[in-house]
Amino acid sequence: MKQVATGAMDRLITIQQPTTTSDPNTNEQIISWSTFRQVWAKKDFAAESEESEESGQIRAKNRVKYTCNFFGAGASSTLNEKMRIVDNGKNYSIYVIREIGRNNQIEIEAEYIAETADNQ
């Protein structure tokens, strides 16, 4: 994989990690998100997107690839697919993480799922 020039990383993204707690009244599991890291990244749109319909809902999946500089052995090794990326107010689920070079850059593939009610 080819490395990306740092100057091309023009988008500030937030990587968030989930924390699960229990509601004291209902014992229901509640997921909250906290900032793991903010990094500058280059965003590329994947050639493929897909749309499906489930239970009267239209779901559009937009797949993207982010490339950012490696941010330290400890932090980079704990980056995982349970985390998400927040970019311009949209939450992207991480599904692939790749190292580019030897501890140099990270490529993250993620998808944004937009759901809308089918009004027809």
PDB file of N, CA and C in Angstrom:
ATOM      1  N   MET A   1       0.833  -1.182   0.000  1.00  0.00           N
ATOM      2  CA  MET A   1       0.000   0.000   0.000  1.00  0.00           C
ATOM      3  C   MET A   1       0.875   1.242   0.000  1.00  0.00           C
ATOM      4  N   LYS A   2       0.431   2.218  -0.731  1.00  0.00           N
ATOM      5  CA  LYS A   2       1.180   3.448  -0.859  1.00  0.00           C
ATOM      6  C   LYS A   2       0.855   4.402   0.289  1.00  0.00           C
ATOM      7  N   GLN A   3       1.882   5.059   0.792  1.00  0.00           N
ATOM      8  CA  GLN A   3       1.683   6.022   1.879  1.00  0.00           C
ATOM      9  C   GLN A   3       1.087   7.313   1.340  1.00  0.00           C
ATOM     10  N   VAL A   4       0.380   8.005   2.204  1.00  0.00           N
ATOM     11  CA  VAL A   4      -0.284   9.253   1.858  1.00  0.00           C
ATOM     12  C   VAL A   4       0.539  10.408   2.417  1.00  0.00           C
ATOM     13  N   ALA A   5       0.711  11.476   1.632  1.00  0.00           N
ATOM     14  CA  ALA A   5       1.432  12.654   2.109  1.00  0.00           C
ATOM     15  C   ALA A   5       0.647  13.289   3.255  1.00  0.00           C
ATOM     16  N   THR A   6       1.357  13.713   4.285  1.00  0.00           N
ATOM     17  CA  THR A   6       0.719  14.306   5.452  1.00  0.00           C
ATOM     18  C   THR A   6      -0.135  15.511   5.069  1.00  0.00           C
ATOM     19  N   GLY A   7       0.289  16.292   4.092  1.00  0.00           N
ATOM     20  CA  GLY A   7      -0.471  17.457   3.651  1.00  0.00           C
ATOM     21  C   GLY A   7      -1.830  17.106   3.058  1.00  0.00           C
ATOM     22  N   ALA A   8      -2.003  15.864   2.608  1.00  0.00           N
ATOM     23  CA  ALA A   8      -3.282  15.423   2.048  1.00  0.00           C
ATOM     24  C   ALA A   8      -4.286  15.054   3.138  1.00  0.00           C
ATOM     25  N   MET A   9      -3.817  14.985   4.380  1.00  0.00           N
ATOM     26  CA  MET A   9      -4.691  14.649   5.510  1.00  0.00           C
ATOM     27  C   MET A   9      -5.344  15.934   5.990  1.00  0.00           C
ATOM     28  N   ASP A  10      -6.453  16.266   5.350  1.00  0.00           N
ATOM     29  CA  ASP A  10      -7.076  17.575   5.555  1.00  0.00           C
ATOM     30  C   ASP A  10      -8.406  17.528   6.304  1.00  0.00           C
ATOM     31  N   ARG A  11      -8.698  16.418   6.935  1.00  0.00           N
ATOM     32  CA  ARG A  11      -9.975  16.251   7.623  1.00  0.00           C
ATOM     33  C   ARG A  11      -9.716  15.825   9.065  1.00  0.00           C
ATOM     34  N   LEU A  12     -10.208  16.613  10.018  1.00  0.00           N
ATOM     35  CA  LEU A  12     -10.050  16.269  11.426  1.00  0.00           C
ATOM     36  C   LEU A  12     -11.200  15.342  11.829  1.00  0.00           C
ATOM     37  N   ILE A  13     -10.841  14.117  12.204  1.00  0.00           N
ATOM     38  CA  ILE A  13     -11.855  13.139  12.600  1.00  0.00           C
ATOM     39  C   ILE A  13     -11.667  12.775  14.070  1.00  0.00           C
ATOM     40  N   THR A  14     -12.735  12.279  14.666  1.00  0.00           N
ATOM     41  CA  THR A  14     -12.684  11.817  16.044  1.00  0.00           C
ATOM     42  C   THR A  14     -12.933  10.320  16.055  1.00  0.00           C
ATOM     43  N   ILE A  15     -12.030   9.584  16.681  1.00  0.00           N
ATOM     44  CA  ILE A  15     -12.224   8.150  16.868  1.00  0.00           C
ATOM     45  C   ILE A  15     -12.788   7.986  18.272  1.00  0.00           C
ATOM     46  N   GLN A  16     -13.923   7.304  18.373  1.00  0.00           N
ATOM     47  CA  GLN A  16     -14.576   7.123  19.662  1.00  0.00           C
ATOM     48  C   GLN A  16     -14.594   5.650  20.056  1.00  0.00           C
ATOM     49  N   GLN A  17     -14.570   5.428  21.366  1.00  0.00           N
ATOM     50  CA  GLN A  17     -14.652   4.060  21.889  1.00  0.00           C
ATOM     51  C   GLN A  17     -15.921   3.911  22.727  1.00  0.00           C
ATOM     52  N   PRO A  18     -16.538   2.724  22.676  1.00  0.00           N
ATOM     53  CA  PRO A  18     -17.771   2.522  23.428  1.00  0.00           C
ATOM     54  C   PRO A  18     -17.496   2.153  24.885  1.00  0.00           C
ATOM     55  N   THR A  19     -18.411   2.559  25.747  1.00  0.00           N
ATOM     56  CA  THR A  19     -18.396   2.163  27.146  1.00  0.00           C
ATOM     57  C   THR A  19     -19.799   1.679  27.468  1.00  0.00           C
ATOM     58  N   THR A  20     -19.890   0.499  28.061  1.00  0.00           N
ATOM     59  CA  THR A  20     -21.192  -0.066  28.398  1.00  0.00           C
ATOM     60  C   THR A  20     -21.422   0.031  29.893  1.00  0.00           C
ATOM     61  N   THR A  21     -22.581   0.567  30.258  1.00  0.00           N
ATOM     62  CA  THR A  21     -22.980   0.637  31.662  1.00  0.00           C
ATOM     63  C   THR A  21     -24.390   0.068  31.778  1.00  0.00           C
ATOM     64  N   SER A  22     -24.802  -0.211  32.985  1.00  0.00           N
ATOM     65  CA  SER A  22     -26.152  -0.717  33.228  1.00  0.00           C
ATOM     66  C   SER A  22     -27.007   0.357  33.868  1.00  0.00           C
ATOM     67  N   ASP A  23     -28.235   0.473  33.370  1.00  0.00           N
ATOM     68  CA  ASP A  23     -29.194   1.385  33.981  1.00  0.00           C
ATOM     69  C   ASP A  23     -29.537   0.823  35.357  1.00  0.00           C
ATOM     70  N   PRO A  24     -29.388   1.606  36.431  1.00  0.00           N
ATOM     71  CA  PRO A  24     -29.629   1.079  37.775  1.00  0.00           C
ATOM     72  C   PRO A  24     -31.077   0.679  38.035  1.00  0.00           C
ATOM     73  N   ASN A  25     -32.016   1.259  37.280  1.00  0.00           N
ATOM     74  CA  ASN A  25     -33.434   0.946  37.496  1.00  0.00           C
ATOM     75  C   ASN A  25     -33.902  -0.258  36.687  1.00  0.00           C
ATOM     76  N   THR A  26     -33.456  -0.337  35.428  1.00  0.00           N
ATOM     77  CA  THR A  26     -33.953  -1.397  34.539  1.00  0.00           C
ATOM     78  C   THR A  26     -32.923  -2.482  34.253  1.00  0.00           C
ATOM     79  N   ASN A  27     -31.668  -2.243  34.638  1.00  0.00           N
ATOM     80  CA  ASN A  27     -30.554  -3.151  34.348  1.00  0.00           C
ATOM     81  C   ASN A  27     -30.285  -3.279  32.844  1.00  0.00           C
ATOM     82  N   GLU A  28     -30.853  -2.369  32.074  1.00  0.00           N
ATOM     83  CA  GLU A  28     -30.640  -2.355  30.629  1.00  0.00           C
ATOM     84  C   GLU A  28     -29.230  -1.870  30.329  1.00  0.00           C
ATOM     85  N   GLN A  29     -28.583  -2.476  29.319  1.00  0.00           N
ATOM     86  CA  GLN A  29     -27.242  -2.082  28.914  1.00  0.00           C
ATOM     87  C   GLN A  29     -27.314  -0.785  28.107  1.00  0.00           C
ATOM     88  N   ILE A  30     -26.521   0.203  28.505  1.00  0.00           N
ATOM     89  CA  ILE A  30     -26.487   1.499  27.834  1.00  0.00           C
ATOM     90  C   ILE A  30     -25.076   1.720  27.289  1.00  0.00           C
ATOM     91  N   ILE A  31     -25.005   2.034  26.001  1.00  0.00           N
ATOM     92  CA  ILE A  31     -23.699   2.299  25.370  1.00  0.00           C
ATOM     93  C   ILE A  31     -23.522   3.800  25.248  1.00  0.00           C
ATOM     94  N   SER A  32     -22.399   4.295  25.761  1.00  0.00           N
ATOM     95  CA  SER A  32     -22.041   5.697  25.587  1.00  0.00           C
ATOM     96  C   SER A  32     -20.683   5.732  24.881  1.00  0.00           C
ATOM     97  N   TRP A  33     -20.398   6.835  24.241  1.00  0.00           N
ATOM     98  CA  TRP A  33     -19.176   6.959  23.443  1.00  0.00           C
ATOM     99  C   TRP A  33     -18.291   8.054  24.018  1.00  0.00           C
ATOM    100  N   SER A  34     -16.988   7.773  24.071  1.00  0.00           N
ATOM    101  CA  SER A  34     -16.023   8.770  24.530  1.00  0.00           C
ATOM    102  C   SER A  34     -14.897   8.880  23.505  1.00  0.00           C
ATOM    103  N   THR A  35     -14.254  10.031  23.489  1.00  0.00           N
ATOM    104  CA  THR A  35     -13.178  10.267  22.519  1.00  0.00           C
ATOM    105  C   THR A  35     -11.951   9.430  22.867  1.00  0.00           C
ATOM    106  N   PHE A  36     -11.496   8.671  21.888  1.00  0.00           N
ATOM    107  CA  PHE A  36     -10.267   7.887  21.994  1.00  0.00           C
ATOM    108  C   PHE A  36      -9.098   8.715  21.468  1.00  0.00           C
ATOM    109  N   ARG A  37      -9.321   9.374  20.322  1.00  0.00           N
ATOM    110  CA  ARG A  37      -8.265  10.147  19.683  1.00  0.00           C
ATOM    111  C   ARG A  37      -8.868  11.043  18.601  1.00  0.00           C
ATOM    112  N   GLN A  38      -8.329  12.243  18.439  1.00  0.00           N
ATOM    113  CA  GLN A  38      -8.653  13.095  17.298  1.00  0.00           C
ATOM    114  C   GLN A  38      -7.420  13.126  16.414  1.00  0.00           C
ATOM    115  N   VAL A  39      -7.608  12.883  15.119  1.00  0.00           N
ATOM    116  CA  VAL A  39      -6.477  12.835  14.192  1.00  0.00           C
ATOM    117  C   VAL A  39      -6.852  13.494  12.867  1.00  0.00           C
ATOM    118  N   TRP A  40      -5.835  13.954  12.164  1.00  0.00           N
ATOM    119  CA  TRP A  40      -6.020  14.448  10.813  1.00  0.00           C
ATOM    120  C   TRP A  40      -5.930  13.249   9.885  1.00  0.00           C
ATOM    121  N   ALA A  41      -6.834  13.186   8.912  1.00  0.00           N
ATOM    122  CA  ALA A  41      -6.889  12.035   8.016  1.00  0.00           C
ATOM    123  C   ALA A  41      -7.259  12.465   6.607  1.00  0.00           C
ATOM    124  N   LYS A  42      -6.933  11.610   5.673  1.00  0.00           N
ATOM    125  CA  LYS A  42      -7.372  11.766   4.288  1.00  0.00           C
ATOM    126  C   LYS A  42      -8.568  10.845   4.110  1.00  0.00           C
ATOM    127  N   LYS A  43      -9.615  11.356   3.471  1.00  0.00           N
ATOM    128  CA  LYS A  43     -10.828  10.565   3.266  1.00  0.00           C
ATOM    129  C   LYS A  43     -10.978  10.257   1.786  1.00  0.00           C
ATOM    130  N   ASP A  44     -11.173   8.985   1.478  1.00  0.00           N
ATOM    131  CA  ASP A  44     -11.460   8.545   0.119  1.00  0.00           C
ATOM    132  C   ASP A  44     -12.783   7.803   0.139  1.00  0.00           C
ATOM    133  N   PHE A  45     -13.591   8.039  -0.869  1.00  0.00           N
ATOM    134  CA  PHE A  45     -14.867   7.341  -0.965  1.00  0.00           C
ATOM    135  C   PHE A  45     -14.672   6.038  -1.718  1.00  0.00           C
ATOM    136  N   ALA A  46     -15.245   4.971  -1.210  1.00  0.00           N
ATOM    137  CA  ALA A  46     -15.158   3.674  -1.869  1.00  0.00           C
ATOM    138  C   ALA A  46     -16.017   3.712  -3.129  1.00  0.00           C
ATOM    139  N   ALA A  47     -15.618   2.933  -4.094  1.00  0.00           N
ATOM    140  CA  ALA A  47     -16.350   2.893  -5.356  1.00  0.00           C
ATOM    141  C   ALA A  47     -17.738   2.280  -5.167  1.00  0.00           C
ATOM    142  N   GLU A  48     -17.881   1.460  -4.156  1.00  0.00           N
ATOM    143  CA  GLU A  48     -19.150   0.768  -3.963  1.00  0.00           C
ATOM    144  C   GLU A  48     -19.959   1.359  -2.816  1.00  0.00           C
ATOM    145  N   SER A  49     -21.218   1.436  -3.017  1.00  0.00           N
ATOM    146  CA  SER A  49     -22.183   1.778  -1.981  1.00  0.00           C
ATOM    147  C   SER A  49     -23.363   0.867  -2.243  1.00  0.00           C
ATOM    148  N   GLU A  50     -24.156   0.635  -1.246  1.00  0.00           N
ATOM    149  CA  GLU A  50     -25.297  -0.232  -1.479  1.00  0.00           C
ATOM    150  C   GLU A  50     -26.529   0.317  -0.775  1.00  0.00           C
ATOM    151  N   GLU A  51     -27.665  -0.097  -1.278  1.00  0.00           N
ATOM    152  CA  GLU A  51     -28.931   0.340  -0.710  1.00  0.00           C
ATOM    153  C   GLU A  51     -29.812  -0.890  -0.554  1.00  0.00           C
ATOM    154  N   SER A  52     -30.533  -0.974   0.556  1.00  0.00           N
ATOM    155  CA  SER A  52     -31.435  -2.096   0.786  1.00  0.00           C
ATOM    156  C   SER A  52     -32.678  -1.595   1.498  1.00  0.00           C
ATOM    157  N   GLU A  53     -33.704  -2.426   1.497  1.00  0.00           N
ATOM    158  CA  GLU A  53     -34.943  -2.049   2.170  1.00  0.00           C
ATOM    159  C   GLU A  53     -35.284  -3.139   3.176  1.00  0.00           C
ATOM    160  N   GLU A  54     -35.503  -2.715   4.415  1.00  0.00           N
ATOM    161  CA  GLU A  54     -35.855  -3.634   5.487  1.00  0.00           C
ATOM    162  C   GLU A  54     -36.970  -3.028   6.313  1.00  0.00           C
ATOM    163  N   SER A  55     -38.060  -3.729   6.483  1.00  0.00           N
ATOM    164  CA  SER A  55     -39.170  -3.310   7.346  1.00  0.00           C
ATOM    165  C   SER A  55     -39.622  -1.870   7.080  1.00  0.00           C
ATOM    166  N   GLY A  56     -39.780  -1.526   5.821  1.00  0.00           N
ATOM    167  CA  GLY A  56     -40.250  -0.185   5.486  1.00  0.00           C
ATOM    168  C   GLY A  56     -39.196   0.895   5.605  1.00  0.00           C
ATOM    169  N   GLN A  57     -37.953   0.508   5.843  1.00  0.00           N
ATOM    170  CA  GLN A  57     -36.846   1.458   5.966  1.00  0.00           C
ATOM    171  C   GLN A  57     -35.898   1.263   4.786  1.00  0.00           C
ATOM    172  N   ILE A  58     -35.439   2.365   4.244  1.00  0.00           N
ATOM    173  CA  ILE A  58     -34.412   2.297   3.209  1.00  0.00           C
ATOM    174  C   ILE A  58     -33.079   2.561   3.887  1.00  0.00           C
ATOM    175  N   ARG A  59     -32.135   1.643   3.696  1.00  0.00           N
ATOM    176  CA  ARG A  59     -30.809   1.776   4.307  1.00  0.00           C
ATOM    177  C   ARG A  59     -29.776   1.955   3.205  1.00  0.00           C
ATOM    178  N   ALA A  60     -29.072   3.045   3.264  1.00  0.00           N
ATOM    179  CA  ALA A  60     -27.997   3.298   2.300  1.00  0.00           C
ATOM    180  C   ALA A  60     -26.669   3.212   3.040  1.00  0.00           C
ATOM    181  N   LYS A  61     -25.759   2.404   2.531  1.00  0.00           N
ATOM    182  CA  LYS A  61     -24.436   2.260   3.135  1.00  0.00           C
ATOM    183  C   LYS A  61     -23.430   2.993   2.269  1.00  0.00           C
ATOM    184  N   ASN A  62     -22.737   3.944   2.865  1.00  0.00           N
ATOM    185  CA  ASN A  62     -21.673   4.673   2.178  1.00  0.00           C
ATOM    186  C   ASN A  62     -20.352   4.245   2.788  1.00  0.00           C
ATOM    187  N   ARG A  63     -19.503   3.647   1.988  1.00  0.00           N
ATOM    188  CA  ARG A  63     -18.218   3.159   2.476  1.00  0.00           C
ATOM    189  C   ARG A  63     -17.109   4.145   2.150  1.00  0.00           C
ATOM    190  N   VAL A  64     -16.239   4.345   3.141  1.00  0.00           N
ATOM    191  CA  VAL A  64     -15.136   5.287   2.998  1.00  0.00           C
ATOM    192  C   VAL A  64     -13.848   4.669   3.548  1.00  0.00           C
ATOM    193  N   LYS A  65     -12.740   5.298   3.165  1.00  0.00           N
ATOM    194  CA  LYS A  65     -11.433   4.874   3.673  1.00  0.00           C
ATOM    195  C   LYS A  65     -10.723   6.107   4.210  1.00  0.00           C
ATOM    196  N   TYR A  66     -10.243   6.006   5.444  1.00  0.00           N
ATOM    197  CA  TYR A  66      -9.480   7.085   6.072  1.00  0.00           C
ATOM    198  C   TYR A  66      -8.034   6.624   6.212  1.00  0.00           C
ATOM    199  N   THR A  67      -7.109   7.531   5.925  1.00  0.00           N
ATOM    200  CA  THR A  67      -5.695   7.254   6.134  1.00  0.00           C
ATOM    201  C   THR A  67      -5.154   8.327   7.068  1.00  0.00           C
ATOM    202  N   CYS A  68      -4.487   7.902   8.138  1.00  0.00           N
ATOM    203  CA  CYS A  68      -3.924   8.846   9.104  1.00  0.00           C
ATOM    204  C   CYS A  68      -2.537   8.371   9.525  1.00  0.00           C
ATOM    205  N   ASN A  69      -1.787   9.251  10.135  1.00  0.00           N
ATOM    206  CA  ASN A  69      -0.469   8.872  10.636  1.00  0.00           C
ATOM    207  C   ASN A  69      -0.617   7.968  11.852  1.00  0.00           C
ATOM    208  N   PHE A  70       0.330   7.073  12.000  1.00  0.00           N
ATOM    209  CA  PHE A  70       0.391   6.177  13.149  1.00  0.00           C
ATOM    210  C   PHE A  70       0.487   7.028  14.406  1.00  0.00           C
ATOM    211  N   PHE A  71      -0.295   6.723  15.443  1.00  0.00           N
ATOM    212  CA  PHE A  71      -0.304   7.580  16.625  1.00  0.00           C
ATOM    213  C   PHE A  71       0.186   6.896  17.887  1.00  0.00           C
ATOM    214  N   GLY A  72       1.270   6.161  17.764  1.00  0.00           N
ATOM    215  CA  GLY A  72       1.909   5.572  18.940  1.00  0.00           C
ATOM    216  C   GLY A  72       1.578   4.100  19.100  1.00  0.00           C
ATOM    217  N   ALA A  73       2.559   3.333  19.501  1.00  0.00           N
ATOM    218  CA  ALA A  73       2.403   1.879  19.588  1.00  0.00           C
ATOM    219  C   ALA A  73       1.258   1.470  20.503  1.00  0.00           C
ATOM    220  N   GLY A  74       1.157   2.064  21.678  1.00  0.00           N
ATOM    221  CA  GLY A  74       0.097   1.684  22.612  1.00  0.00           C
ATOM    222  C   GLY A  74      -1.286   2.031  22.100  1.00  0.00           C
ATOM    223  N   ALA A  75      -1.460   3.261  21.642  1.00  0.00           N
ATOM    224  CA  ALA A  75      -2.769   3.712  21.171  1.00  0.00           C
ATOM    225  C   ALA A  75      -3.163   3.018  19.874  1.00  0.00           C
ATOM    226  N   SER A  76      -2.232   2.885  18.944  1.00  0.00           N
ATOM    227  CA  SER A  76      -2.559   2.264  17.664  1.00  0.00           C
ATOM    228  C   SER A  76      -2.901   0.792  17.833  1.00  0.00           C
ATOM    229  N   SER A  77      -2.280   0.128  18.788  1.00  0.00           N
ATOM    230  CA  SER A  77      -2.561  -1.297  18.975  1.00  0.00           C
ATOM    231  C   SER A  77      -3.919  -1.520  19.626  1.00  0.00           C
ATOM    232  N   THR A  78      -4.476  -0.520  20.310  1.00  0.00           N
ATOM    233  CA  THR A  78      -5.789  -0.687  20.924  1.00  0.00           C
ATOM    234  C   THR A  78      -6.926  -0.235  20.010  1.00  0.00           C
ATOM    235  N   LEU A  79      -6.617   0.388  18.883  1.00  0.00           N
ATOM    236  CA  LEU A  79      -7.628   0.742  17.890  1.00  0.00           C
ATOM    237  C   LEU A  79      -8.281  -0.544  17.412  1.00  0.00           C
ATOM    238  N   ASN A  80      -9.628  -0.600  17.405  1.00  0.00           N
ATOM    239  CA  ASN A  80     -10.293  -1.839  17.000  1.00  0.00           C
ATOM    240  C   ASN A  80     -11.626  -1.561  16.313  1.00  0.00           C
ATOM    241  N   GLU A  81     -12.220  -2.617  15.784  1.00  0.00           N
ATOM    242  CA  GLU A  81     -13.444  -2.516  14.998  1.00  0.00           C
ATOM    243  C   GLU A  81     -14.695  -2.233  15.828  1.00  0.00           C
ATOM    244  N   LYS A  82     -14.589  -2.212  17.141  1.00  0.00           N
ATOM    245  CA  LYS A  82     -15.738  -1.848  17.973  1.00  0.00           C
ATOM    246  C   LYS A  82     -15.875  -0.334  18.084  1.00  0.00           C
ATOM    247  N   MET A  83     -14.833   0.383  17.673  1.00  0.00           N
ATOM    248  CA  MET A  83     -14.823   1.835  17.737  1.00  0.00           C
ATOM    249  C   MET A  83     -15.535   2.412  16.518  1.00  0.00           C
ATOM    250  N   ARG A  84     -15.724   3.722  16.536  1.00  0.00           N
ATOM    251  CA  ARG A  84     -16.344   4.394  15.398  1.00  0.00           C
ATOM    252  C   ARG A  84     -15.613   5.699  15.128  1.00  0.00           C
ATOM    253  N   ILE A  85     -15.863   6.235  13.943  1.00  0.00           N
ATOM    254  CA  ILE A  85     -15.294   7.516  13.539  1.00  0.00           C
ATOM    255  C   ILE A  85     -16.431   8.521  13.416  1.00  0.00           C
ATOM    256  N   VAL A  86     -16.219   9.714  13.963  1.00  0.00           N
ATOM    257  CA  VAL A  86     -17.171  10.808  13.789  1.00  0.00           C
ATOM    258  C   VAL A  86     -16.511  11.800  12.838  1.00  0.00           C
ATOM    259  N   ASP A  87     -17.167  12.026  11.719  1.00  0.00           N
ATOM    260  CA  ASP A  87     -16.651  12.919  10.690  1.00  0.00           C
ATOM    261  C   ASP A  87     -17.791  13.833  10.244  1.00  0.00           C
ATOM    262  N   ASN A  88     -17.630  15.109  10.498  1.00  0.00           N
ATOM    263  CA  ASN A  88     -18.620  16.099  10.086  1.00  0.00           C
ATOM    264  C   ASN A  88     -20.019  15.761  10.631  1.00  0.00           C
ATOM    265  N   GLY A  89     -20.069  15.292  11.879  1.00  0.00           N
ATOM    266  CA  GLY A  89     -21.341  14.994  12.526  1.00  0.00           C
ATOM    267  C   GLY A  89     -21.947  13.641  12.198  1.00  0.00           C
ATOM    268  N   LYS A  90     -21.290  12.855  11.348  1.00  0.00           N
ATOM    269  CA  LYS A  90     -21.803  11.533  10.987  1.00  0.00           C
ATOM    270  C   LYS A  90     -20.949  10.453  11.642  1.00  0.00           C
ATOM    271  N   ASN A  91     -21.614   9.384  12.092  1.00  0.00           N
ATOM    272  CA  ASN A  91     -20.925   8.261  12.729  1.00  0.00           C
ATOM    273  C   ASN A  91     -20.662   7.162  11.709  1.00  0.00           C
ATOM    274  N   TYR A  92     -19.403   6.773  11.601  1.00  0.00           N
ATOM    275  CA  TYR A  92     -18.990   5.720  10.679  1.00  0.00           C
ATOM    276  C   TYR A  92     -18.511   4.511  11.480  1.00  0.00           C
ATOM    277  N   SER A  93     -19.074   3.346  11.202  1.00  0.00           N
ATOM    278  CA  SER A  93     -18.661   2.110  11.866  1.00  0.00           C
ATOM    279  C   SER A  93     -17.380   1.598  11.217  1.00  0.00           C
ATOM    280  N   ILE A  94     -16.384   1.305  12.022  1.00  0.00           N
ATOM    281  CA  ILE A  94     -15.111   0.791  11.523  1.00  0.00           C
ATOM    282  C   ILE A  94     -15.255  -0.703  11.249  1.00  0.00           C
ATOM    283  N   TYR A  95     -14.797  -1.160  10.076  1.00  0.00           N
ATOM    284  CA  TYR A  95     -14.836  -2.590   9.807  1.00  0.00           C
ATOM    285  C   TYR A  95     -13.497  -3.174   9.362  1.00  0.00           C
ATOM    286  N   VAL A  96     -12.513  -2.368   8.989  1.00  0.00           N
ATOM    287  CA  VAL A  96     -11.182  -2.872   8.645  1.00  0.00           C
ATOM    288  C   VAL A  96     -10.136  -1.855   9.098  1.00  0.00           C
ATOM    289  N   ILE A  97      -9.046  -2.356   9.694  1.00  0.00           N
ATOM    290  CA  ILE A  97      -7.911  -1.513  10.089  1.00  0.00           C
ATOM    291  C   ILE A  97      -6.651  -2.156   9.524  1.00  0.00           C
ATOM    292  N   ARG A  98      -5.851  -1.366   8.783  1.00  0.00           N
ATOM    293  CA  ARG A  98      -4.613  -1.885   8.195  1.00  0.00           C
ATOM    294  C   ARG A  98      -3.449  -0.955   8.529  1.00  0.00           C
ATOM    295  N   GLU A  99      -2.309  -1.547   8.739  1.00  0.00           N
ATOM    296  CA  GLU A  99      -1.087  -0.770   8.943  1.00  0.00           C
ATOM    297  C   GLU A  99      -0.428  -0.552   7.585  1.00  0.00           C
ATOM    298  N   ILE A 100       0.011   0.673   7.322  1.00  0.00           N
ATOM    299  CA  ILE A 100       0.740   0.996   6.099  1.00  0.00           C
ATOM    300  C   ILE A 100       2.180   1.259   6.506  1.00  0.00           C
ATOM    301  N   GLY A 101       3.091   0.518   5.931  1.00  0.00           N
ATOM    302  CA  GLY A 101       4.490   0.659   6.329  1.00  0.00           C
ATOM    303  C   GLY A 101       4.693   0.097   7.726  1.00  0.00           C
ATOM    304  N   ARG A 102       5.837   0.319   8.272  1.00  0.00           N
ATOM    305  CA  ARG A 102       6.136  -0.193   9.609  1.00  0.00           C
ATOM    306  C   ARG A 102       5.918   0.928  10.617  1.00  0.00           C
ATOM    307  N   ASN A 103       4.780   0.863  11.317  1.00  0.00           N
ATOM    308  CA  ASN A 103       4.418   1.894  12.299  1.00  0.00           C
ATOM    309  C   ASN A 103       4.459   3.299  11.707  1.00  0.00           C
ATOM    310  N   ASN A 104       3.930   3.442  10.492  1.00  0.00           N
ATOM    311  CA  ASN A 104       3.982   4.729   9.820  1.00  0.00           C
ATOM    312  C   ASN A 104       2.591   5.348   9.653  1.00  0.00           C
ATOM    313  N   GLN A 105       1.678   4.628   9.022  1.00  0.00           N
ATOM    314  CA  GLN A 105       0.327   5.132   8.810  1.00  0.00           C
ATOM    315  C   GLN A 105      -0.681   4.012   9.035  1.00  0.00           C
ATOM    316  N   ILE A 106      -1.940   4.423   9.207  1.00  0.00           N
ATOM    317  CA  ILE A 106      -3.027   3.476   9.411  1.00  0.00           C
ATOM    318  C   ILE A 106      -4.116   3.780   8.394  1.00  0.00           C
ATOM    319  N   GLU A 107      -4.647   2.733   7.799  1.00  0.00           N
ATOM    320  CA  GLU A 107      -5.776   2.863   6.888  1.00  0.00           C
ATOM    321  C   GLU A 107      -6.984   2.237   7.582  1.00  0.00           C
ATOM    322  N   ILE A 108      -8.080   2.986   7.644  1.00  0.00           N
ATOM    323  CA  ILE A 108      -9.287   2.521   8.320  1.00  0.00           C
ATOM    324  C   ILE A 108     -10.433   2.557   7.320  1.00  0.00           C
ATOM    325  N   GLU A 109     -11.080   1.417   7.120  1.00  0.00           N
ATOM    326  CA  GLU A 109     -12.273   1.375   6.282  1.00  0.00           C
ATOM    327  C   GLU A 109     -13.483   1.420   7.205  1.00  0.00           C
ATOM    328  N   ALA A 110     -14.454   2.248   6.822  1.00  0.00           N
ATOM    329  CA  ALA A 110     -15.631   2.437   7.663  1.00  0.00           C
ATOM    330  C   ALA A 110     -16.849   2.670   6.778  1.00  0.00           C
ATOM    331  N   GLU A 111     -18.028   2.555   7.394  1.00  0.00           N
ATOM    332  CA  GLU A 111     -19.239   2.810   6.630  1.00  0.00           C
ATOM    333  C   GLU A 111     -20.244   3.601   7.448  1.00  0.00           C
ATOM    334  N   TYR A 112     -20.948   4.460   6.738  1.00  0.00           N
ATOM    335  CA  TYR A 112     -22.022   5.257   7.314  1.00  0.00           C
ATOM    336  C   TYR A 112     -23.317   4.647   6.822  1.00  0.00           C
ATOM    337  N   ILE A 113     -24.215   4.355   7.727  1.00  0.00           N
ATOM    338  CA  ILE A 113     -25.495   3.774   7.344  1.00  0.00           C
ATOM    339  C   ILE A 113     -26.597   4.800   7.587  1.00  0.00           C
ATOM    340  N   ALA A 114     -27.194   5.242   6.505  1.00  0.00           N
ATOM    341  CA  ALA A 114     -28.293   6.211   6.598  1.00  0.00           C
ATOM    342  C   ALA A 114     -29.603   5.442   6.487  1.00  0.00           C
ATOM    343  N   GLU A 115     -30.501   5.702   7.420  1.00  0.00           N
ATOM    344  CA  GLU A 115     -31.811   5.041   7.397  1.00  0.00           C
ATOM    345  C   GLU A 115     -32.890   6.100   7.253  1.00  0.00           C
ATOM    346  N   THR A 116     -33.815   5.858   6.334  1.00  0.00           N
ATOM    347  CA  THR A 116     -34.943   6.759   6.154  1.00  0.00           C
ATOM    348  C   THR A 116     -36.210   5.929   6.045  1.00  0.00           C
ATOM    349  N   ALA A 117     -37.301   6.468   6.519  1.00  0.00           N
ATOM    350  CA  ALA A 117     -38.581   5.781   6.430  1.00  0.00           C
ATOM    351  C   ALA A 117     -39.050   5.799   4.984  1.00  0.00           C
ATOM    352  N   ASP A 118     -39.617   4.692   4.566  1.00  0.00           N
ATOM    353  CA  ASP A 118     -40.170   4.599   3.210  1.00  0.00           C
ATOM    354  C   ASP A 118     -41.566   5.207   3.230  1.00  0.00           C
ATOM    355  N   ASN A 119     -41.722   6.358   2.609  1.00  0.00           N
ATOM    356  CA  ASN A 119     -43.004   7.062   2.640  1.00  0.00           C
ATOM    357  C   ASN A 119     -43.929   6.671   1.501  1.00  0.00           C
ATOM    358  N   GLN A 120     -43.604   5.673   0.759  1.00  0.00           N
ATOM    359  CA  GLN A 120     -44.441   5.328  -0.406  1.00  0.00           C
ATOM    360  C   GLN A 120     -45.240   4.084  -0.172  1.00  0.00           C
TER     361      GLN A 120
END
